[in-house]
Amino acid sequence: MAIGGTASTAAFDLTAAEMALIGNGFTSLRFGSSAGSGVLTVAARLAFTAPVSFVSPSGSLVLSSSLTTAGQALSIDAALRISGTASIDTTSGGAYSGGRLSVGSIQGAVAGPSHLTLDTGSASLTLGAVGNLTPLDSLTLASDGLTTVGQDIAVRDLLRFEGPVAFGASAVRLTANTIEAGAAASFVGASTELTLASASGLPVLVGASTDSGAGAFDVTSGLLAKLADLGSVKILGGSAAITVAQPVTVGVPLVLATTGLTDISAAVGLTGDGALTVTGDLRLSGSVTGTGAGAIRVLGDLDVVANASLVTAGVIQVGSAGTSVSGAGVLTLGGTDVDFLGSTGCAHAGRADC
């Protein structure tokens, strides 16, 4: 079904002129069928004054323009695919407070660059999986109302949140090369493990006050601060390096996961439920200090290249089978229980049992 085009096609269609004949006063509008498996296409701007739904549960909705409502609800029960730059706005450009928006899934791009903005004003936004087929280039969630994210989101470049977000699953992964959180953004999900990953396998920079630009995947100090109400956060480096070069405070169990090198050269403060796990090798010349009982765990080789410290009221675990501790710096340790589990090497001057 082609909706809003300029001329009739071989498909079943409703042209823009025909759509203009739909007047006000309807309690709702529905395009498609609950048994639908075909493609719904919206190639021109459509504006609605009544609640509207697009339905093709086994099919898709291809959007290459904008959908707006005059503060009315809009739902998409079809796999949404984006061509070019598109938007869905239930505030009609800010003229209304907004209407609820529900999108079952956003499969991603049809072809070429693709950008999508969703704005529900003060109303709620509910999202399923995003980018599970072909990721968009960018996705902006511009709602001031609560956005509920129930599955993974993957984009090629920019993922931006403007308002409050609730994660509705025990594990959610956000994949992008830049993740931004506006001043009003917040994140909740006390039982959610949130994974942050680069879409292009970029080196990871943790703790900077601003995004460093192209060439790195930045997890800024501001973004980390907004994640303190989650169950845990994992920053996934893949095979790329993870670097903490500026002081940062972490209020949630944090996992730095990479098969490459993790380099901590600045102060890391663990507050509240804050804890730190480094799954691979760590080069340390900074300090990790916990004010609570959060554990500090380094599961790979530890290279103390300058005087450094690992201090917490909880457990400290250094190494695992086959790993070593080395380096020219002095390592200060403080914890309720300190375990060295490496089986090779004992070259570190800061270890009393070496």
Protein backbone atom coordinates (compact mmCIF):
# COMPACT_ATOMS: atom_id res chain seq x y z
CA MET A 1 0.00 0.00 0.00
CA ALA A 2 1.41 3.37 -1.05
CA ILE A 3 0.16 6.26 1.09
CA GLY A 4 0.48 9.95 0.24
CA GLY A 5 2.10 9.70 -3.18
CA THR A 6 1.52 12.13 -6.04
CA ALA A 7 0.10 9.64 -8.53
CA SER A 8 -1.54 6.25 -8.70
CA THR A 9 0.75 3.23 -8.81
CA ALA A 10 0.41 -0.46 -9.61
CA ALA A 11 -0.02 -1.04 -5.87
CA PHE A 12 -3.11 -0.30 -3.85
CA ASP A 13 -2.59 3.37 -3.03
CA LEU A 14 -4.03 6.47 -1.44
CA THR A 15 -2.57 9.55 -3.12
CA ALA A 16 -1.94 12.83 -1.32
CA ALA A 17 -5.05 14.26 -2.96
CA GLU A 18 -7.12 11.33 -1.72
CA MET A 19 -5.65 11.60 1.77
CA ALA A 20 -6.64 15.28 1.83
CA LEU A 21 -10.28 14.21 1.51
CA ILE A 22 -10.12 12.57 4.94
CA GLY A 23 -11.66 15.21 7.18
CA ASN A 24 -11.71 15.76 10.92
CA GLY A 25 -13.98 13.96 13.34
CA PHE A 26 -12.78 10.36 13.08
CA THR A 27 -12.15 8.57 16.37
CA SER A 28 -9.16 6.78 14.79
CA LEU A 29 -7.55 5.86 11.47
CA ARG A 30 -5.97 2.55 10.59
CA PHE A 31 -3.88 1.64 7.55
CA GLY A 32 -3.20 -2.04 6.89
CA SER A 33 -4.51 -5.24 8.40
CA SER A 34 -3.82 -7.37 11.46
CA ALA A 35 -3.16 -10.21 9.01
CA GLY A 36 -0.98 -8.02 6.80
CA SER A 37 2.37 -9.13 5.40
CA GLY A 38 2.93 -6.52 2.70
CA VAL A 39 4.82 -3.24 2.54
CA LEU A 40 3.23 0.06 3.55
CA THR A 41 5.01 3.04 1.99
CA VAL A 42 4.87 6.68 3.11
CA ALA A 43 6.83 8.86 0.68
CA ALA A 44 5.36 12.29 1.48
CA ARG A 45 4.54 14.23 4.64
CA LEU A 46 1.32 13.08 6.30
CA ALA A 47 -0.48 14.95 9.08
CA PHE A 48 -3.31 13.51 11.15
CA THR A 49 -5.80 15.01 13.59
CA ALA A 50 -7.01 11.64 14.92
CA PRO A 51 -5.15 8.69 16.49
CA VAL A 52 -3.56 6.66 13.70
CA SER A 53 -2.04 3.20 13.34
CA PHE A 54 -0.06 1.45 10.62
CA VAL A 55 -0.51 -2.31 10.72
CA SER A 56 1.32 -5.05 8.84
CA PRO A 57 2.63 -7.45 11.51
CA SER A 58 4.52 -9.69 9.08
CA GLY A 59 5.41 -6.85 6.72
CA SER A 60 7.01 -3.43 6.95
CA LEU A 61 6.43 0.32 6.83
CA VAL A 62 8.89 2.26 4.65
CA LEU A 63 9.10 5.92 5.69
CA SER A 64 11.00 8.53 3.69
CA SER A 65 9.27 11.68 4.93
CA SER A 66 7.47 12.77 8.10
CA LEU A 67 4.45 11.59 10.04
CA THR A 68 2.82 14.12 12.36
CA THR A 69 -0.24 14.18 14.57
CA ALA A 70 -2.01 17.03 16.34
CA GLY A 71 -1.20 15.64 19.77
CA GLN A 72 -2.79 12.29 18.94
CA ALA A 73 -1.45 8.77 19.51
CA LEU A 74 0.39 6.96 16.72
CA SER A 75 1.32 3.28 16.61
CA ILE A 76 3.30 1.20 14.15
CA ASP A 77 2.73 -2.56 14.21
CA ALA A 78 5.12 -3.31 11.37
CA ALA A 79 8.88 -3.38 10.90
CA LEU A 80 9.76 0.29 10.33
CA ARG A 81 12.39 0.97 7.66
CA ILE A 82 13.81 4.40 6.86
CA SER A 83 14.83 5.85 3.50
CA GLY A 84 16.76 9.13 3.72
CA THR A 85 15.80 11.57 6.48
CA ALA A 86 12.50 10.93 8.25
CA SER A 87 10.68 11.93 11.41
CA ILE A 88 7.64 11.08 13.52
CA ASP A 89 6.30 13.99 15.56
CA THR A 90 3.13 13.81 17.63
CA THR A 91 3.45 17.47 18.70
CA SER A 92 2.97 18.85 15.17
CA GLY A 93 6.12 20.93 15.45
CA GLY A 94 5.52 21.88 19.08
CA ALA A 95 1.96 23.12 18.61
CA TYR A 96 0.62 20.34 20.88
CA SER A 97 1.89 18.67 24.05
CA GLY A 98 2.23 15.38 22.18
CA GLY A 99 0.63 11.97 21.79
CA ARG A 100 1.80 8.46 22.63
CA LEU A 101 4.01 6.71 20.09
CA SER A 102 4.58 2.96 19.94
CA VAL A 103 6.98 1.39 17.42
CA GLY A 104 7.30 -2.39 17.46
CA SER A 105 10.70 -2.45 15.76
CA ILE A 106 12.89 -0.28 13.56
CA GLN A 107 14.70 -2.68 11.24
CA GLY A 108 16.87 0.13 9.89
CA ALA A 109 17.77 1.66 6.56
CA VAL A 110 16.40 0.77 3.14
CA ALA A 111 19.53 2.01 1.34
CA GLY A 112 21.98 4.88 1.62
CA PRO A 113 22.21 7.42 4.48
CA SER A 114 19.27 7.23 6.88
CA HIS A 115 18.32 9.46 9.80
CA LEU A 116 15.29 9.30 12.09
CA THR A 117 13.96 11.65 14.78
CA LEU A 118 11.11 10.67 17.12
CA ASP A 119 9.37 13.36 19.19
CA THR A 120 6.32 12.76 21.38
CA GLY A 121 6.58 15.91 23.48
CA SER A 122 5.51 15.13 27.05
CA ALA A 123 3.80 11.87 26.00
CA SER A 124 5.37 8.42 26.17
CA LEU A 125 7.46 6.65 23.53
CA THR A 126 7.80 2.86 23.43
CA LEU A 127 10.47 1.22 21.26
CA GLY A 128 11.26 -2.34 20.33
CA ALA A 129 14.51 -3.45 18.68
CA VAL A 130 16.29 -0.84 16.54
CA GLY A 131 18.75 -1.61 13.75
CA ASN A 132 18.43 -5.39 13.85
CA LEU A 133 18.59 -5.62 10.03
CA THR A 134 20.51 -2.61 8.65
CA PRO A 135 21.38 0.08 11.22
CA LEU A 136 20.37 3.69 10.66
CA ASP A 137 23.06 6.35 10.45
CA SER A 138 21.46 8.27 13.32
CA LEU A 139 18.55 8.10 15.72
CA THR A 140 17.39 10.99 17.91
CA LEU A 141 14.85 10.33 20.65
CA ALA A 142 13.67 13.87 21.28
CA SER A 143 10.75 13.21 23.63
CA ASP A 144 10.41 14.97 26.99
CA GLY A 145 8.10 12.18 28.16
CA LEU A 146 9.27 8.74 29.22
CA THR A 147 10.92 6.61 26.53
CA THR A 148 10.79 2.87 27.22
CA VAL A 149 13.49 0.82 25.50
CA GLY A 150 12.80 -2.89 25.61
CA GLN A 151 15.47 -4.24 23.26
CA ASP A 152 18.86 -3.41 21.72
CA ILE A 153 19.47 -0.25 19.68
CA ALA A 154 22.10 -0.18 16.92
CA VAL A 155 23.01 2.78 14.70
CA ARG A 156 26.07 3.48 12.58
CA ASP A 157 26.92 6.90 13.99
CA LEU A 158 24.84 9.06 16.39
CA LEU A 159 22.39 7.95 19.07
CA ARG A 160 20.94 10.83 21.09
CA PHE A 161 18.54 10.87 24.04
CA GLU A 162 16.77 14.10 25.04
CA GLY A 163 14.51 12.93 27.88
CA PRO A 164 14.06 10.22 30.53
CA VAL A 165 14.62 6.60 29.49
CA ALA A 166 13.47 3.40 31.20
CA PHE A 167 15.03 0.10 30.14
CA GLY A 168 12.46 -2.68 30.13
CA ALA A 169 14.78 -5.69 29.83
CA SER A 170 17.47 -7.32 31.97
CA ALA A 171 20.10 -6.72 29.28
CA VAL A 172 20.15 -3.94 26.67
CA ARG A 173 22.95 -3.06 24.25
CA LEU A 174 23.41 0.39 22.70
CA THR A 175 25.70 0.37 19.65
CA ALA A 176 26.81 3.64 18.04
CA ASN A 177 29.95 5.66 17.43
CA THR A 178 28.58 8.58 19.46
CA ILE A 179 26.05 8.37 22.30
CA GLU A 180 24.73 11.69 23.59
CA ALA A 181 22.45 12.48 26.52
CA GLY A 182 20.82 15.90 26.65
CA ALA A 183 20.48 17.96 29.82
CA ALA A 184 17.03 16.50 30.58
CA ALA A 185 18.02 12.89 29.83
CA SER A 186 18.04 10.30 32.61
CA PHE A 187 18.19 6.51 32.67
CA VAL A 188 16.50 4.00 34.98
CA GLY A 189 16.54 0.21 35.14
CA ALA A 190 17.67 -1.13 38.49
CA SER A 191 17.99 -4.69 37.16
CA THR A 192 19.33 -3.81 33.71
CA GLU A 193 22.85 -4.55 32.50
CA LEU A 194 23.51 -1.87 29.88
CA THR A 195 26.23 -2.53 27.31
CA LEU A 196 27.76 0.36 25.36
CA ALA A 197 29.66 -0.52 22.18
CA SER A 198 31.22 1.23 19.20
CA ALA A 199 29.56 0.52 15.86
CA SER A 200 32.93 0.63 14.07
CA GLY A 201 35.24 -0.93 16.64
CA LEU A 202 36.77 2.43 17.55
CA PRO A 203 39.16 2.89 20.49
CA VAL A 204 37.19 3.77 23.63
CA LEU A 205 37.77 6.90 25.71
CA VAL A 206 36.11 6.94 29.15
CA GLY A 207 35.58 9.98 31.35
CA ALA A 208 36.16 12.97 29.09
CA SER A 209 33.91 15.96 29.73
CA THR A 210 33.07 16.34 26.04
CA ASP A 211 33.13 14.12 22.99
CA SER A 212 36.60 14.06 21.44
CA GLY A 213 35.25 13.78 17.90
CA ALA A 214 35.85 11.28 15.12
CA GLY A 215 38.28 8.46 15.68
CA ALA A 216 37.14 7.40 19.16
CA PHE A 217 34.07 6.08 20.94
CA ASP A 218 33.55 8.42 23.90
CA VAL A 219 31.75 7.49 27.09
CA THR A 220 31.77 10.91 28.72
CA SER A 221 31.74 11.62 32.44
CA GLY A 222 28.31 13.22 32.03
CA LEU A 223 26.86 10.11 30.40
CA LEU A 224 28.34 7.84 33.07
CA ALA A 225 26.84 10.00 35.81
CA LYS A 226 23.39 9.61 34.26
CA LEU A 227 23.71 5.79 34.31
CA ALA A 228 24.09 5.51 38.10
CA ASP A 229 20.55 4.11 38.61
CA LEU A 230 21.10 1.04 36.41
CA GLY A 231 22.00 -2.44 37.58
CA SER A 232 25.40 -2.36 35.87
CA VAL A 233 27.20 -0.92 32.85
CA LYS A 234 29.56 -2.73 30.50
CA ILE A 235 31.74 -0.77 28.07
CA LEU A 236 32.67 -3.11 25.26
CA GLY A 237 35.92 -2.43 23.47
CA GLY A 238 36.10 -5.58 21.37
CA SER A 239 39.76 -5.74 20.38
CA ALA A 240 40.25 -1.97 20.67
CA ALA A 241 41.92 -0.21 23.59
CA ILE A 242 39.93 1.32 26.45
CA THR A 243 41.52 4.43 27.96
CA VAL A 244 40.63 6.33 31.13
CA ALA A 245 42.79 9.45 30.88
CA GLN A 246 40.65 11.96 32.81
CA PRO A 247 39.22 11.72 36.35
CA VAL A 248 35.80 10.10 36.48
CA THR A 249 33.29 9.10 39.15
CA VAL A 250 31.33 5.87 38.77
CA GLY A 251 28.22 5.11 40.83
CA VAL A 252 27.33 1.76 39.26
CA PRO A 253 29.15 -1.58 38.81
CA LEU A 254 31.28 -0.93 35.72
CA VAL A 255 32.90 -3.53 33.46
CA LEU A 256 35.62 -2.51 31.00
CA ALA A 257 35.68 -5.41 28.54
CA THR A 258 38.25 -5.71 25.77
CA THR A 259 40.69 -8.27 24.42
CA GLY A 260 43.01 -5.31 23.86
CA LEU A 261 44.61 -3.15 26.54
CA THR A 262 42.83 -1.09 29.20
CA ASP A 263 44.86 1.95 30.29
CA ILE A 264 43.90 3.85 33.47
CA SER A 265 46.11 6.90 33.98
CA ALA A 266 43.64 9.09 35.90
CA ALA A 267 41.67 8.90 39.14
CA VAL A 268 38.60 6.66 39.12
CA GLY A 269 36.23 7.22 42.04
CA LEU A 270 33.73 4.50 42.95
CA THR A 271 30.74 5.86 44.90
CA GLY A 272 27.51 4.27 46.10
CA ASP A 273 27.20 0.89 44.37
CA GLY A 274 30.24 1.63 42.23
CA ALA A 275 32.57 -1.27 41.43
CA LEU A 276 35.12 -1.92 38.69
CA THR A 277 35.99 -5.02 36.68
CA VAL A 278 38.67 -5.00 33.96
CA THR A 279 38.29 -8.22 31.97
CA GLY A 280 41.64 -8.03 30.15
CA ASP A 281 45.12 -6.62 30.64
CA LEU A 282 45.45 -3.36 32.58
CA ARG A 283 48.17 -0.74 32.38
CA LEU A 284 47.85 1.32 35.56
CA SER A 285 49.35 4.67 36.50
CA GLY A 286 46.29 6.21 38.16
CA SER A 287 44.18 5.41 41.19
CA VAL A 288 40.94 3.52 41.69
CA THR A 289 39.31 4.48 44.98
CA GLY A 290 36.01 3.16 46.32
CA THR A 291 34.05 4.78 49.14
CA GLY A 292 31.69 1.81 49.40
CA ALA A 293 32.01 -1.97 49.38
CA GLY A 294 32.29 -2.32 45.61
CA ALA A 295 34.89 -4.82 44.43
CA ILE A 296 37.86 -4.02 42.19
CA ARG A 297 38.81 -6.87 39.86
CA VAL A 298 41.57 -7.05 37.24
CA LEU A 299 41.32 -10.37 35.41
CA GLY A 300 44.30 -10.04 33.05
CA ASP A 301 47.94 -8.99 33.40
CA LEU A 302 48.56 -5.91 35.55
CA ASP A 303 51.37 -3.57 34.51
CA VAL A 304 51.96 -0.82 37.09
CA VAL A 305 53.92 1.70 35.03
CA ALA A 306 53.94 4.44 37.72
CA ASN A 307 52.93 4.73 41.36
CA ALA A 308 49.25 3.78 41.56
CA SER A 309 46.60 2.50 43.96
CA LEU A 310 43.61 0.19 44.21
CA VAL A 311 41.62 0.99 47.36
CA THR A 312 38.10 -0.02 48.36
CA ALA A 313 36.10 -1.19 51.37
CA GLY A 314 35.34 -4.33 49.39
CA VAL A 315 37.32 -7.13 47.76
CA ILE A 316 40.31 -6.62 45.46
CA GLN A 317 41.13 -9.38 42.99
CA VAL A 318 44.20 -9.14 40.78
CA GLY A 319 44.87 -11.62 38.01
CA SER A 320 43.59 -15.04 37.02
CA ALA A 321 45.24 -18.27 35.90
CA GLY A 322 48.24 -17.58 33.67
CA THR A 323 48.47 -13.83 34.33
CA SER A 324 51.23 -11.74 35.90
CA VAL A 325 51.83 -8.53 37.84
CA SER A 326 54.77 -6.36 36.81
CA GLY A 327 55.92 -2.77 36.37
CA ALA A 328 58.25 -0.14 37.81
CA GLY A 329 55.69 1.69 39.93
CA VAL A 330 54.64 1.07 43.52
CA LEU A 331 51.12 -0.29 43.91
CA THR A 332 49.19 0.65 47.04
CA LEU A 333 46.41 -1.76 47.93
CA GLY A 334 43.57 -1.42 50.43
CA GLY A 335 40.59 -3.72 50.74
CA THR A 336 38.82 -6.13 53.07
CA ASP A 337 40.35 -9.03 51.15
CA VAL A 338 43.16 -8.82 48.58
CA ASP A 339 43.66 -11.84 46.32
CA PHE A 340 46.48 -12.33 43.82
CA LEU A 341 45.33 -15.13 41.54
CA GLY A 342 47.95 -14.96 38.79
CA SER A 343 50.15 -18.01 38.32
CA THR A 344 53.13 -16.46 36.54
CA GLY A 345 55.43 -13.57 37.38
CA CYS A 346 55.92 -11.77 40.65
CA ALA A 347 58.05 -8.85 39.56
CA HIS A 348 56.15 -6.01 41.16
CA ALA A 349 57.98 -4.03 43.84
CA GLY A 350 54.76 -2.98 45.55
CA ARG A 351 53.81 -6.53 46.49
CA ALA A 352 54.88 -7.50 49.98
CA ASP A 353 54.75 -11.20 49.12
CA CYS A 354 57.01 -10.97 46.05
